[in-house]
Amino acid sequence: MSQHFLMSAAARTVSLKQVARMTDGEACALFRKIRWPKTNGAAVCPHCDCPKCYEYTTRNVFKCKACRKQFSETSGTLFAWRKLPIRDYLIAIVIFVNAVKGISALQLGRDLDVQYKTAYVLAMKLREAMAAEVRGVVLGGEGVEVEVDGCYVGGHVRPENKKEDRKDRRRAENQSGKRQVVVVARERGGKTVTMVFGTEEEGASFIKARIDRNSIVHADEAAGWNALHARFAMKRINHQDAYSADGACTNQAESYFARLRRAQWGQRHRISGKYLTRYAAEMAWREDHRRESNGEQFRTVGFRAAALPPSVDWCGYWQRGACSLILCVQRFDSFST
């Protein structure tokens, strides 16, 4: 019997020990190669994209020969205005991608020896980098099969102690109102996109926008997907009778939900409804890249984080958005000019 890829040496191409033993100079050189792969780590100005830059080695900053502006390795990235050494960010990425079911901010903070607040924002920035990979992606195409499904998360209502005081928690009037559904669209052999809604019916418009109309869509018998028949060639499966029948199944969508549930129960324990979309996108990224080595995942997340501008949502998060407001004003000024 052949060995599973994830158990082979090919799946382990980077280790936490390897990154932790790097000097500051080696860590900076590695981050530059991840951020500027086309120039093999040679600095490119983030302001004007000029490749002709020179370095002030005593201050660890670069200066562009064209626009004369100074910048560092992390300028214009999710790690801009950093306070930790670059090696710590690389260690965080290794820890993050190695945790196949996700990792809590508390555990990440203990591993990095930083405050919970620092670890929480750093983890959210890495999730933002993961989610950016499928931003605006349209799944499917002529004859391509895409599976859609929904999974209800949150809104747990604790039953009363005495039996006579307990209520039927299936009824809408006895629920908390915090229950949400994660809607997933997963192309077979392709990408996975997710979004959070109040009901599956509300997710139908999302499915129509993110799947090519020439695709073949697989779904279960939930009434929320009936509206999709007017746009797609549909294959429906009744899970009360079978998991797969007559060429219809949603097993890959269910596989994604299995990973999401394990992350919820085993790592998060509780996910705020406000940020459920971000956690759902993280699990989608992990499903799409599960057959890649951890070294490839490390470089992918690092490159995505370096390619994104400073986060409006998470810059100054614990200062209640003061820095985020400044970023919004700066971006508005840049667009207006």
C-alpha atoms as a PDB file:
ATOM      1  CA  MET A   1       0.000   0.000   0.000  1.00  0.00           C
ATOM      2  CA  SER A   2       1.437   3.377  -1.008  1.00  0.00           C
ATOM      3  CA  GLN A   3       2.232   5.932   1.661  1.00  0.00           C
ATOM      4  CA  HIS A   4      -0.085   8.912   2.090  1.00  0.00           C
ATOM      5  CA  PHE A   5       1.463  12.153   0.838  1.00  0.00           C
ATOM      6  CA  LEU A   6       1.032  13.949   4.164  1.00  0.00           C
ATOM      7  CA  MET A   7       3.047  11.226   5.906  1.00  0.00           C
ATOM      8  CA  SER A   8       5.927  11.383   3.418  1.00  0.00           C
ATOM      9  CA  ALA A   9       9.099  13.448   3.605  1.00  0.00           C
ATOM     10  CA  ALA A  10       7.929  15.445   0.569  1.00  0.00           C
ATOM     11  CA  ALA A  11       5.212  17.025   2.733  1.00  0.00           C
ATOM     12  CA  ARG A  12       7.810  18.398   5.174  1.00  0.00           C
ATOM     13  CA  THR A  13       9.945  20.948   3.341  1.00  0.00           C
ATOM     14  CA  VAL A  14      10.178  23.546   6.112  1.00  0.00           C
ATOM     15  CA  SER A  15      10.357  23.127   9.873  1.00  0.00           C
ATOM     16  CA  LEU A  16       9.864  25.365  12.864  1.00  0.00           C
ATOM     17  CA  LYS A  17      13.351  24.417  14.069  1.00  0.00           C
ATOM     18  CA  GLN A  18      14.862  25.529  10.780  1.00  0.00           C
ATOM     19  CA  VAL A  19      13.244  28.989  10.890  1.00  0.00           C
ATOM     20  CA  ALA A  20      13.803  29.518  14.632  1.00  0.00           C
ATOM     21  CA  ARG A  21      17.563  28.982  14.196  1.00  0.00           C
ATOM     22  CA  MET A  22      17.850  31.727  11.588  1.00  0.00           C
ATOM     23  CA  THR A  23      19.713  34.913  12.387  1.00  0.00           C
ATOM     24  CA  ASP A  24      17.993  38.255  11.880  1.00  0.00           C
ATOM     25  CA  GLY A  25      19.876  38.720   8.620  1.00  0.00           C
ATOM     26  CA  GLU A  26      18.915  35.291   7.291  1.00  0.00           C
ATOM     27  CA  ALA A  27      15.261  35.871   8.230  1.00  0.00           C
ATOM     28  CA  CYS A  28      15.241  39.233   6.441  1.00  0.00           C
ATOM     29  CA  ALA A  29      16.835  37.685   3.357  1.00  0.00           C
ATOM     30  CA  LEU A  30      14.211  34.908   3.300  1.00  0.00           C
ATOM     31  CA  PHE A  31      11.344  37.387   3.682  1.00  0.00           C
ATOM     32  CA  ARG A  32      12.739  39.473   0.812  1.00  0.00           C
ATOM     33  CA  LYS A  33      12.840  36.410  -1.443  1.00  0.00           C
ATOM     34  CA  ILE A  34       9.238  35.626  -0.528  1.00  0.00           C
ATOM     35  CA  ARG A  35       8.076  39.197  -1.114  1.00  0.00           C
ATOM     36  CA  TRP A  36      10.109  39.846  -4.285  1.00  0.00           C
ATOM     37  CA  PRO A  37      10.446  36.423  -5.957  1.00  0.00           C
ATOM     38  CA  LYS A  38      10.877  37.844  -9.479  1.00  0.00           C
ATOM     39  CA  THR A  39      14.080  39.657  -8.458  1.00  0.00           C
ATOM     40  CA  ASN A  40      15.284  36.863  -6.154  1.00  0.00           C
ATOM     41  CA  GLY A  41      14.979  39.084  -3.094  1.00  0.00           C
ATOM     42  CA  ALA A  42      16.297  42.311  -4.590  1.00  0.00           C
ATOM     43  CA  ALA A  43      14.218  45.224  -3.291  1.00  0.00           C
ATOM     44  CA  VAL A  44      11.495  46.766  -5.474  1.00  0.00           C
ATOM     45  CA  CYS A  45      10.027  50.114  -4.477  1.00  0.00           C
ATOM     46  CA  PRO A  46       6.435  49.670  -3.190  1.00  0.00           C
ATOM     47  CA  HIS A  47       5.611  53.256  -4.229  1.00  0.00           C
ATOM     48  CA  CYS A  48       6.624  53.278  -7.903  1.00  0.00           C
ATOM     49  CA  ASP A  49       7.673  49.631  -8.601  1.00  0.00           C
ATOM     50  CA  CYS A  50      11.194  50.728  -9.511  1.00  0.00           C
ATOM     51  CA  PRO A  51      13.748  47.889  -9.122  1.00  0.00           C
ATOM     52  CA  LYS A  52      16.670  50.290  -8.724  1.00  0.00           C
ATOM     53  CA  CYS A  53      17.016  50.705  -4.969  1.00  0.00           C
ATOM     54  CA  TYR A  54      19.934  50.815  -2.609  1.00  0.00           C
ATOM     55  CA  GLU A  55      20.107  49.834   1.048  1.00  0.00           C
ATOM     56  CA  TYR A  56      21.148  51.713   4.157  1.00  0.00           C
ATOM     57  CA  THR A  57      22.660  48.728   5.955  1.00  0.00           C
ATOM     58  CA  THR A  58      23.035  50.587   9.247  1.00  0.00           C
ATOM     59  CA  ARG A  59      19.297  51.308   9.405  1.00  0.00           C
ATOM     60  CA  ASN A  60      17.917  48.304   7.480  1.00  0.00           C
ATOM     61  CA  VAL A  61      15.959  50.498   5.069  1.00  0.00           C
ATOM     62  CA  PHE A  62      16.003  50.973   1.308  1.00  0.00           C
ATOM     63  CA  LYS A  63      15.800  54.096  -0.842  1.00  0.00           C
ATOM     64  CA  CYS A  64      14.371  54.225  -4.336  1.00  0.00           C
ATOM     65  CA  LYS A  65      16.521  55.930  -6.976  1.00  0.00           C
ATOM     66  CA  ALA A  66      13.448  57.024  -8.941  1.00  0.00           C
ATOM     67  CA  CYS A  67      11.009  58.481  -6.386  1.00  0.00           C
ATOM     68  CA  ARG A  68      13.625  58.932  -3.615  1.00  0.00           C
ATOM     69  CA  LYS A  69      11.319  57.428  -0.987  1.00  0.00           C
ATOM     70  CA  GLN A  70      12.554  55.180   1.790  1.00  0.00           C
ATOM     71  CA  PHE A  71      10.994  51.840   2.723  1.00  0.00           C
ATOM     72  CA  SER A  72      11.718  48.604   4.555  1.00  0.00           C
ATOM     73  CA  GLU A  73      11.058  44.926   3.790  1.00  0.00           C
ATOM     74  CA  THR A  74       7.602  45.151   5.327  1.00  0.00           C
ATOM     75  CA  SER A  75       6.531  48.595   4.053  1.00  0.00           C
ATOM     76  CA  GLY A  76       3.176  48.429   2.279  1.00  0.00           C
ATOM     77  CA  THR A  77       2.408  44.890   3.513  1.00  0.00           C
ATOM     78  CA  LEU A  78       0.190  43.378   6.192  1.00  0.00           C
ATOM     79  CA  PHE A  79       3.237  43.499   8.476  1.00  0.00           C
ATOM     80  CA  ALA A  80       3.809  47.236   8.048  1.00  0.00           C
ATOM     81  CA  TRP A  81       4.687  49.163  11.232  1.00  0.00           C
ATOM     82  CA  ARG A  82       5.773  45.889  12.793  1.00  0.00           C
ATOM     83  CA  LYS A  83       7.092  45.671  16.335  1.00  0.00           C
ATOM     84  CA  LEU A  84       8.320  42.060  16.281  1.00  0.00           C
ATOM     85  CA  PRO A  85      11.443  40.799  14.496  1.00  0.00           C
ATOM     86  CA  ILE A  86      10.828  39.430  11.008  1.00  0.00           C
ATOM     87  CA  ARG A  87      11.946  35.998  12.216  1.00  0.00           C
ATOM     88  CA  ASP A  88       8.973  35.932  14.638  1.00  0.00           C
ATOM     89  CA  TYR A  89       6.552  36.586  11.755  1.00  0.00           C
ATOM     90  CA  LEU A  90       8.102  33.752   9.762  1.00  0.00           C
ATOM     91  CA  ILE A  91       7.823  31.459  12.790  1.00  0.00           C
ATOM     92  CA  ALA A  92       4.159  32.456  13.165  1.00  0.00           C
ATOM     93  CA  ILE A  93       3.456  31.542   9.529  1.00  0.00           C
ATOM     94  CA  VAL A  94       5.108  28.121   9.956  1.00  0.00           C
ATOM     95  CA  ILE A  95       3.074  27.416  13.096  1.00  0.00           C
ATOM     96  CA  PHE A  96      -0.086  28.625  11.372  1.00  0.00           C
ATOM     97  CA  VAL A  97       0.210  26.486   8.234  1.00  0.00           C
ATOM     98  CA  ASN A  98       1.295  23.398  10.176  1.00  0.00           C
ATOM     99  CA  ALA A  99      -1.933  23.468  12.221  1.00  0.00           C
ATOM    100  CA  VAL A 100      -4.188  21.594   9.795  1.00  0.00           C
ATOM    101  CA  LYS A 101      -7.310  22.260  11.901  1.00  0.00           C
ATOM    102  CA  GLY A 102      -6.315  25.837  12.712  1.00  0.00           C
ATOM    103  CA  ILE A 103      -4.740  27.255  15.846  1.00  0.00           C
ATOM    104  CA  SER A 104      -6.130  29.425  18.613  1.00  0.00           C
ATOM    105  CA  ALA A 105      -4.714  32.866  19.301  1.00  0.00           C
ATOM    106  CA  LEU A 106      -3.991  31.801  22.885  1.00  0.00           C
ATOM    107  CA  GLN A 107      -1.770  28.936  21.752  1.00  0.00           C
ATOM    108  CA  LEU A 108      -0.068  31.072  19.101  1.00  0.00           C
ATOM    109  CA  GLY A 109       0.660  33.728  21.719  1.00  0.00           C
ATOM    110  CA  ARG A 110       2.244  31.132  24.011  1.00  0.00           C
ATOM    111  CA  ASP A 111       4.395  29.749  21.195  1.00  0.00           C
ATOM    112  CA  LEU A 112       5.620  33.220  20.216  1.00  0.00           C
ATOM    113  CA  ASP A 113       5.780  34.547  23.808  1.00  0.00           C
ATOM    114  CA  VAL A 114       3.607  37.564  22.974  1.00  0.00           C
ATOM    115  CA  GLN A 115       0.366  38.969  24.347  1.00  0.00           C
ATOM    116  CA  TYR A 116      -2.942  37.430  23.370  1.00  0.00           C
ATOM    117  CA  LYS A 117      -3.878  40.674  21.602  1.00  0.00           C
ATOM    118  CA  THR A 118      -0.762  40.531  19.442  1.00  0.00           C
ATOM    119  CA  ALA A 119      -1.326  36.889  18.503  1.00  0.00           C
ATOM    120  CA  TYR A 120      -5.026  37.467  17.764  1.00  0.00           C
ATOM    121  CA  VAL A 121      -4.410  40.315  15.315  1.00  0.00           C
ATOM    122  CA  LEU A 122      -1.496  38.469  13.688  1.00  0.00           C
ATOM    123  CA  ALA A 123      -3.640  35.363  13.148  1.00  0.00           C
ATOM    124  CA  MET A 124      -6.439  37.468  11.673  1.00  0.00           C
ATOM    125  CA  LYS A 125      -4.001  39.109   9.261  1.00  0.00           C
ATOM    126  CA  LEU A 126      -2.837  35.676   8.096  1.00  0.00           C
ATOM    127  CA  ARG A 127      -6.473  34.661   7.557  1.00  0.00           C
ATOM    128  CA  GLU A 128      -6.941  37.822   5.517  1.00  0.00           C
ATOM    129  CA  ALA A 129      -3.968  36.795   3.373  1.00  0.00           C
ATOM    130  CA  MET A 130      -5.478  33.345   2.841  1.00  0.00           C
ATOM    131  CA  ALA A 131      -8.891  34.717   1.896  1.00  0.00           C
ATOM    132  CA  ALA A 132      -7.358  37.087  -0.670  1.00  0.00           C
ATOM    133  CA  GLU A 133      -6.502  34.122  -2.900  1.00  0.00           C
ATOM    134  CA  VAL A 134     -10.136  33.578  -3.979  1.00  0.00           C
ATOM    135  CA  ARG A 135     -11.257  37.204  -3.961  1.00  0.00           C
ATOM    136  CA  GLY A 136     -13.453  37.694  -7.041  1.00  0.00           C
ATOM    137  CA  VAL A 137     -12.875  34.132  -8.296  1.00  0.00           C
ATOM    138  CA  VAL A 138     -15.710  32.597 -10.363  1.00  0.00           C
ATOM    139  CA  LEU A 139     -15.890  28.808 -10.122  1.00  0.00           C
ATOM    140  CA  GLY A 140     -16.804  26.272 -12.751  1.00  0.00           C
ATOM    141  CA  GLY A 141     -17.227  26.523 -16.496  1.00  0.00           C
ATOM    142  CA  GLU A 142     -18.532  24.458 -19.380  1.00  0.00           C
ATOM    143  CA  GLY A 143     -19.256  20.986 -17.976  1.00  0.00           C
ATOM    144  CA  VAL A 144     -17.330  21.629 -14.732  1.00  0.00           C
ATOM    145  CA  GLU A 145     -18.975  20.221 -11.593  1.00  0.00           C
ATOM    146  CA  VAL A 146     -19.377  22.396  -8.494  1.00  0.00           C
ATOM    147  CA  GLU A 147     -20.812  21.298  -5.150  1.00  0.00           C
ATOM    148  CA  VAL A 148     -22.795  23.644  -2.898  1.00  0.00           C
ATOM    149  CA  ASP A 149     -24.032  23.124   0.634  1.00  0.00           C
ATOM    150  CA  GLY A 150     -24.747  24.923   3.886  1.00  0.00           C
ATOM    151  CA  CYS A 151     -23.695  24.330   7.494  1.00  0.00           C
ATOM    152  CA  TYR A 152     -25.368  26.030  10.468  1.00  0.00           C
ATOM    153  CA  VAL A 153     -22.939  27.358  13.073  1.00  0.00           C
ATOM    154  CA  GLY A 154     -23.417  29.037  16.458  1.00  0.00           C
ATOM    155  CA  GLY A 155     -26.535  30.089  18.294  1.00  0.00           C
ATOM    156  CA  HIS A 156     -26.409  27.251  20.828  1.00  0.00           C
ATOM    157  CA  VAL A 157     -29.159  27.436  23.427  1.00  0.00           C
ATOM    158  CA  ARG A 158     -28.370  25.710  26.701  1.00  0.00           C
ATOM    159  CA  PRO A 159     -31.245  23.488  27.915  1.00  0.00           C
ATOM    160  CA  GLU A 160     -32.819  24.167  31.279  1.00  0.00           C
ATOM    161  CA  ASN A 161     -31.820  22.072  34.280  1.00  0.00           C
ATOM    162  CA  LYS A 162     -35.254  20.602  35.018  1.00  0.00           C
ATOM    163  CA  LYS A 163     -37.065  18.633  32.346  1.00  0.00           C
ATOM    164  CA  GLU A 164     -40.356  20.435  32.872  1.00  0.00           C
ATOM    165  CA  ASP A 165     -38.675  23.789  32.154  1.00  0.00           C
ATOM    166  CA  ARG A 166     -37.114  22.714  28.867  1.00  0.00           C
ATOM    167  CA  LYS A 167     -38.379  24.031  25.542  1.00  0.00           C
ATOM    168  CA  ASP A 168     -38.226  22.740  21.989  1.00  0.00           C
ATOM    169  CA  ARG A 169     -35.021  24.393  20.742  1.00  0.00           C
ATOM    170  CA  ARG A 170     -35.913  23.588  17.140  1.00  0.00           C
ATOM    171  CA  ARG A 171     -38.646  26.216  17.150  1.00  0.00           C
ATOM    172  CA  ALA A 172     -37.672  29.718  15.985  1.00  0.00           C
ATOM    173  CA  GLU A 173     -39.130  31.445  19.062  1.00  0.00           C
ATOM    174  CA  ASN A 174     -36.874  29.377  21.347  1.00  0.00           C
ATOM    175  CA  GLN A 175     -33.632  30.072  19.459  1.00  0.00           C
ATOM    176  CA  SER A 176     -31.073  32.746  20.261  1.00  0.00           C
ATOM    177  CA  GLY A 177     -31.113  34.479  16.864  1.00  0.00           C
ATOM    178  CA  LYS A 178     -27.333  34.096  16.566  1.00  0.00           C
ATOM    179  CA  ARG A 179     -27.414  31.008  14.375  1.00  0.00           C
ATOM    180  CA  GLN A 180     -25.765  31.505  10.972  1.00  0.00           C
ATOM    181  CA  VAL A 181     -25.147  29.291   7.968  1.00  0.00           C
ATOM    182  CA  VAL A 182     -21.811  28.949   6.186  1.00  0.00           C
ATOM    183  CA  VAL A 183     -22.528  28.501   2.474  1.00  0.00           C
ATOM    184  CA  VAL A 184     -19.781  26.814   0.473  1.00  0.00           C
ATOM    185  CA  ALA A 185     -19.256  26.371  -3.262  1.00  0.00           C
ATOM    186  CA  ARG A 186     -16.491  23.913  -4.082  1.00  0.00           C
ATOM    187  CA  GLU A 187     -15.283  23.139  -7.570  1.00  0.00           C
ATOM    188  CA  ARG A 188     -14.139  19.569  -7.994  1.00  0.00           C
ATOM    189  CA  GLY A 189     -10.400  19.725  -8.405  1.00  0.00           C
ATOM    190  CA  GLY A 190     -10.479  23.526  -8.018  1.00  0.00           C
ATOM    191  CA  LYS A 191     -11.056  26.331  -5.548  1.00  0.00           C
ATOM    192  CA  THR A 192     -13.452  26.715  -2.637  1.00  0.00           C
ATOM    193  CA  VAL A 193     -15.362  29.915  -1.842  1.00  0.00           C
ATOM    194  CA  THR A 194     -17.467  30.565   1.247  1.00  0.00           C
ATOM    195  CA  MET A 195     -19.788  33.190   2.694  1.00  0.00           C
ATOM    196  CA  VAL A 196     -21.985  33.493   5.785  1.00  0.00           C
ATOM    197  CA  PHE A 197     -25.734  34.157   5.699  1.00  0.00           C
ATOM    198  CA  GLY A 198     -28.745  33.924   7.942  1.00  0.00           C
ATOM    199  CA  THR A 199     -30.360  31.123   5.900  1.00  0.00           C
ATOM    200  CA  GLU A 200     -29.508  28.956   2.900  1.00  0.00           C
ATOM    201  CA  GLU A 201     -32.122  30.792   0.841  1.00  0.00           C
ATOM    202  CA  GLU A 202     -30.134  34.006   1.267  1.00  0.00           C
ATOM    203  CA  GLY A 203     -27.044  32.244  -0.061  1.00  0.00           C
ATOM    204  CA  ALA A 204     -28.604  31.441  -3.438  1.00  0.00           C
ATOM    205  CA  SER A 205     -27.664  34.854  -4.851  1.00  0.00           C
ATOM    206  CA  PHE A 206     -24.061  34.320  -3.714  1.00  0.00           C
ATOM    207  CA  ILE A 207     -23.978  30.968  -5.521  1.00  0.00           C
ATOM    208  CA  LYS A 208     -25.303  32.556  -8.720  1.00  0.00           C
ATOM    209  CA  ALA A 209     -22.643  35.285  -8.586  1.00  0.00           C
ATOM    210  CA  ARG A 210     -19.661  33.019  -7.881  1.00  0.00           C
ATOM    211  CA  ILE A 211     -20.388  30.054 -10.202  1.00  0.00           C
ATOM    212  CA  ASP A 212     -20.313  30.121 -13.993  1.00  0.00           C
ATOM    213  CA  ARG A 213     -23.799  29.481 -15.360  1.00  0.00           C
ATOM    214  CA  ASN A 214     -22.496  26.704 -17.660  1.00  0.00           C
ATOM    215  CA  SER A 215     -21.433  24.632 -14.648  1.00  0.00           C
ATOM    216  CA  ILE A 216     -23.120  21.507 -13.296  1.00  0.00           C
ATOM    217  CA  VAL A 217     -24.139  22.178  -9.697  1.00  0.00           C
ATOM    218  CA  HIS A 218     -24.564  19.429  -7.105  1.00  0.00           C
ATOM    219  CA  ALA A 219     -26.720  20.121  -4.048  1.00  0.00           C
ATOM    220  CA  ASP A 220     -28.817  18.306  -1.463  1.00  0.00           C
ATOM    221  CA  GLU A 221     -32.596  18.426  -1.212  1.00  0.00           C
ATOM    222  CA  ALA A 222     -32.739  21.550   0.976  1.00  0.00           C
ATOM    223  CA  ALA A 223     -35.439  23.934  -0.247  1.00  0.00           C
ATOM    224  CA  GLY A 224     -32.982  26.842  -0.282  1.00  0.00           C
ATOM    225  CA  TRP A 225     -31.345  25.507  -3.461  1.00  0.00           C
ATOM    226  CA  ASN A 226     -34.548  25.217  -5.505  1.00  0.00           C
ATOM    227  CA  ALA A 227     -33.999  28.697  -6.958  1.00  0.00           C
ATOM    228  CA  LEU A 228     -30.748  27.493  -8.591  1.00  0.00           C
ATOM    229  CA  HIS A 229     -32.608  25.307 -11.111  1.00  0.00           C
ATOM    230  CA  ALA A 230     -33.482  28.360 -13.196  1.00  0.00           C
ATOM    231  CA  ARG A 231     -29.782  29.123 -13.796  1.00  0.00           C
ATOM    232  CA  PHE A 232     -27.774  25.883 -13.587  1.00  0.00           C
ATOM    233  CA  ALA A 233     -27.933  22.270 -14.643  1.00  0.00           C
ATOM    234  CA  MET A 234     -28.627  20.692 -11.253  1.00  0.00           C
ATOM    235  CA  LYS A 235     -27.998  17.311  -9.670  1.00  0.00           C
ATOM    236  CA  ARG A 236     -29.743  16.779  -6.315  1.00  0.00           C
ATOM    237  CA  ILE A 237     -29.075  14.130  -3.678  1.00  0.00           C
ATOM    238  CA  ASN A 238     -31.367  13.164  -0.811  1.00  0.00           C
ATOM    239  CA  HIS A 239     -29.093  12.380   2.135  1.00  0.00           C
ATOM    240  CA  GLN A 240     -31.872  10.472   3.888  1.00  0.00           C
ATOM    241  CA  ASP A 241     -31.560   7.833   1.169  1.00  0.00           C
ATOM    242  CA  ALA A 242     -27.862   7.945   0.249  1.00  0.00           C
ATOM    243  CA  TYR A 243     -24.707  10.049   0.359  1.00  0.00           C
ATOM    244  CA  SER A 244     -24.136   9.534  -3.362  1.00  0.00           C
ATOM    245  CA  ALA A 245     -26.559   8.308  -6.015  1.00  0.00           C
ATOM    246  CA  ASP A 246     -27.132   8.697  -9.773  1.00  0.00           C
ATOM    247  CA  GLY A 247     -23.925  10.700 -10.170  1.00  0.00           C
ATOM    248  CA  ALA A 248     -24.970  13.325  -7.587  1.00  0.00           C
ATOM    249  CA  CYS A 249     -23.148  13.946  -4.310  1.00  0.00           C
ATOM    250  CA  THR A 250     -21.837  16.765  -2.124  1.00  0.00           C
ATOM    251  CA  ASN A 251     -19.062  14.799  -0.429  1.00  0.00           C
ATOM    252  CA  GLN A 252     -16.360  17.383  -1.105  1.00  0.00           C
ATOM    253  CA  ALA A 253     -18.495  20.142   0.380  1.00  0.00           C
ATOM    254  CA  GLU A 254     -19.111  17.895   3.399  1.00  0.00           C
ATOM    255  CA  SER A 255     -15.353  17.322   3.653  1.00  0.00           C
ATOM    256  CA  TYR A 256     -14.884  21.068   3.998  1.00  0.00           C
ATOM    257  CA  PHE A 257     -17.544  21.228   6.709  1.00  0.00           C
ATOM    258  CA  ALA A 258     -15.825  18.401   8.590  1.00  0.00           C
ATOM    259  CA  ARG A 259     -12.651  20.490   8.780  1.00  0.00           C
ATOM    260  CA  LEU A 260     -14.634  23.569   9.811  1.00  0.00           C
ATOM    261  CA  ARG A 261     -16.377  21.641  12.604  1.00  0.00           C
ATOM    262  CA  ARG A 262     -13.102  20.199  13.908  1.00  0.00           C
ATOM    263  CA  ALA A 263     -11.651  23.692  14.006  1.00  0.00           C
ATOM    264  CA  GLN A 264     -14.722  24.986  15.832  1.00  0.00           C
ATOM    265  CA  TRP A 265     -14.905  22.222  18.424  1.00  0.00           C
ATOM    266  CA  GLY A 266     -11.231  21.415  18.897  1.00  0.00           C
ATOM    267  CA  GLN A 267      -9.521  24.798  18.553  1.00  0.00           C
ATOM    268  CA  ARG A 268     -11.890  27.755  18.751  1.00  0.00           C
ATOM    269  CA  HIS A 269     -14.641  26.323  20.999  1.00  0.00           C
ATOM    270  CA  ARG A 270     -16.583  29.472  20.182  1.00  0.00           C
ATOM    271  CA  ILE A 271     -16.499  31.617  17.027  1.00  0.00           C
ATOM    272  CA  SER A 272     -17.940  35.115  17.074  1.00  0.00           C
ATOM    273  CA  GLY A 273     -20.580  35.531  14.383  1.00  0.00           C
ATOM    274  CA  LYS A 274     -18.932  38.805  13.407  1.00  0.00           C
ATOM    275  CA  TYR A 275     -15.763  36.999  12.290  1.00  0.00           C
ATOM    276  CA  LEU A 276     -17.219  33.676  11.154  1.00  0.00           C
ATOM    277  CA  THR A 277     -16.610  34.618   7.504  1.00  0.00           C
ATOM    278  CA  ARG A 278     -12.868  34.881   8.142  1.00  0.00           C
ATOM    279  CA  TYR A 279     -12.618  31.523   9.893  1.00  0.00           C
ATOM    280  CA  ALA A 280     -14.670  29.898   7.133  1.00  0.00           C
ATOM    281  CA  ALA A 281     -12.329  31.316   4.473  1.00  0.00           C
ATOM    282  CA  GLU A 282      -9.308  30.027   6.385  1.00  0.00           C
ATOM    283  CA  MET A 283     -10.682  26.474   6.400  1.00  0.00           C
ATOM    284  CA  ALA A 284     -11.458  26.756   2.685  1.00  0.00           C
ATOM    285  CA  TRP A 285      -7.829  27.704   1.999  1.00  0.00           C
ATOM    286  CA  ARG A 286      -6.599  24.759   4.066  1.00  0.00           C
ATOM    287  CA  GLU A 287      -8.848  22.384   2.119  1.00  0.00           C
ATOM    288  CA  ASP A 288      -7.613  23.716  -1.230  1.00  0.00           C
ATOM    289  CA  HIS A 289      -3.932  23.420  -0.249  1.00  0.00           C
ATOM    290  CA  ARG A 290      -4.084  20.213   1.793  1.00  0.00           C
ATOM    291  CA  ARG A 291      -2.037  18.275  -0.786  1.00  0.00           C
ATOM    292  CA  GLU A 292       0.842  20.751  -0.829  1.00  0.00           C
ATOM    293  CA  SER A 293       3.955  20.580   1.311  1.00  0.00           C
ATOM    294  CA  ASN A 294       4.154  22.857   4.321  1.00  0.00           C
ATOM    295  CA  GLY A 295       7.010  24.703   2.614  1.00  0.00           C
ATOM    296  CA  GLU A 296       4.761  25.591  -0.324  1.00  0.00           C
ATOM    297  CA  GLN A 297       2.007  26.681   2.062  1.00  0.00           C
ATOM    298  CA  PHE A 298       4.527  28.766   4.017  1.00  0.00           C
ATOM    299  CA  ARG A 299       5.663  30.621   0.902  1.00  0.00           C
ATOM    300  CA  THR A 300       2.118  31.072  -0.386  1.00  0.00           C
ATOM    301  CA  VAL A 301       0.853  32.651   2.836  1.00  0.00           C
ATOM    302  CA  GLY A 302       4.014  34.748   3.183  1.00  0.00           C
ATOM    303  CA  PHE A 303       3.711  36.034  -0.384  1.00  0.00           C
ATOM    304  CA  ARG A 304       0.003  36.828   0.055  1.00  0.00           C
ATOM    305  CA  ALA A 305       0.705  38.726   3.271  1.00  0.00           C
ATOM    306  CA  ALA A 306       3.497  40.680   1.555  1.00  0.00           C
ATOM    307  CA  ALA A 307       1.321  41.435  -1.488  1.00  0.00           C
ATOM    308  CA  LEU A 308      -1.597  42.870   0.492  1.00  0.00           C
ATOM    309  CA  PRO A 309      -1.566  46.482   1.739  1.00  0.00           C
ATOM    310  CA  PRO A 310      -1.845  47.266   5.461  1.00  0.00           C
ATOM    311  CA  SER A 311      -5.136  45.945   6.781  1.00  0.00           C
ATOM    312  CA  VAL A 312      -7.880  48.517   7.315  1.00  0.00           C
ATOM    313  CA  ASP A 313      -9.726  46.077   9.581  1.00  0.00           C
ATOM    314  CA  TRP A 314      -6.854  45.012  11.815  1.00  0.00           C
ATOM    315  CA  CYS A 315      -4.439  47.926  11.895  1.00  0.00           C
ATOM    316  CA  GLY A 316      -5.070  49.529  15.284  1.00  0.00           C
ATOM    317  CA  TYR A 317      -7.745  46.962  16.146  1.00  0.00           C
ATOM    318  CA  TRP A 318      -7.167  47.140  19.895  1.00  0.00           C
ATOM    319  CA  GLN A 319      -7.114  50.944  19.715  1.00  0.00           C
ATOM    320  CA  ARG A 320     -10.734  50.708  18.530  1.00  0.00           C
ATOM    321  CA  GLY A 321     -10.015  51.578  14.889  1.00  0.00           C
ATOM    322  CA  ALA A 322      -8.107  54.831  15.344  1.00  0.00           C
ATOM    323  CA  CYS A 323      -5.350  53.698  12.982  1.00  0.00           C
ATOM    324  CA  SER A 324      -7.911  52.157  10.616  1.00  0.00           C
ATOM    325  CA  LEU A 325      -9.602  55.542  10.207  1.00  0.00           C
ATOM    326  CA  ILE A 326      -6.259  57.102   9.298  1.00  0.00           C
ATOM    327  CA  LEU A 327      -5.651  54.359   6.715  1.00  0.00           C
ATOM    328  CA  CYS A 328      -9.081  54.910   5.144  1.00  0.00           C
ATOM    329  CA  VAL A 329      -8.414  58.654   4.851  1.00  0.00           C
ATOM    330  CA  GLN A 330      -4.987  58.027   3.324  1.00  0.00           C
ATOM    331  CA  ARG A 331      -6.418  55.616   0.739  1.00  0.00           C
ATOM    332  CA  PHE A 332      -9.251  57.999  -0.129  1.00  0.00           C
ATOM    333  CA  ASP A 333      -6.729  60.804  -0.660  1.00  0.00           C
ATOM    334  CA  SER A 334      -4.578  58.577  -2.884  1.00  0.00           C
ATOM    335  CA  PHE A 335      -7.580  57.553  -5.022  1.00  0.00           C
ATOM    336  CA  SER A 336      -8.871  61.114  -5.335  1.00  0.00           C
ATOM    337  CA  THR A 337      -5.514  62.357  -6.575  1.00  0.00           C
END
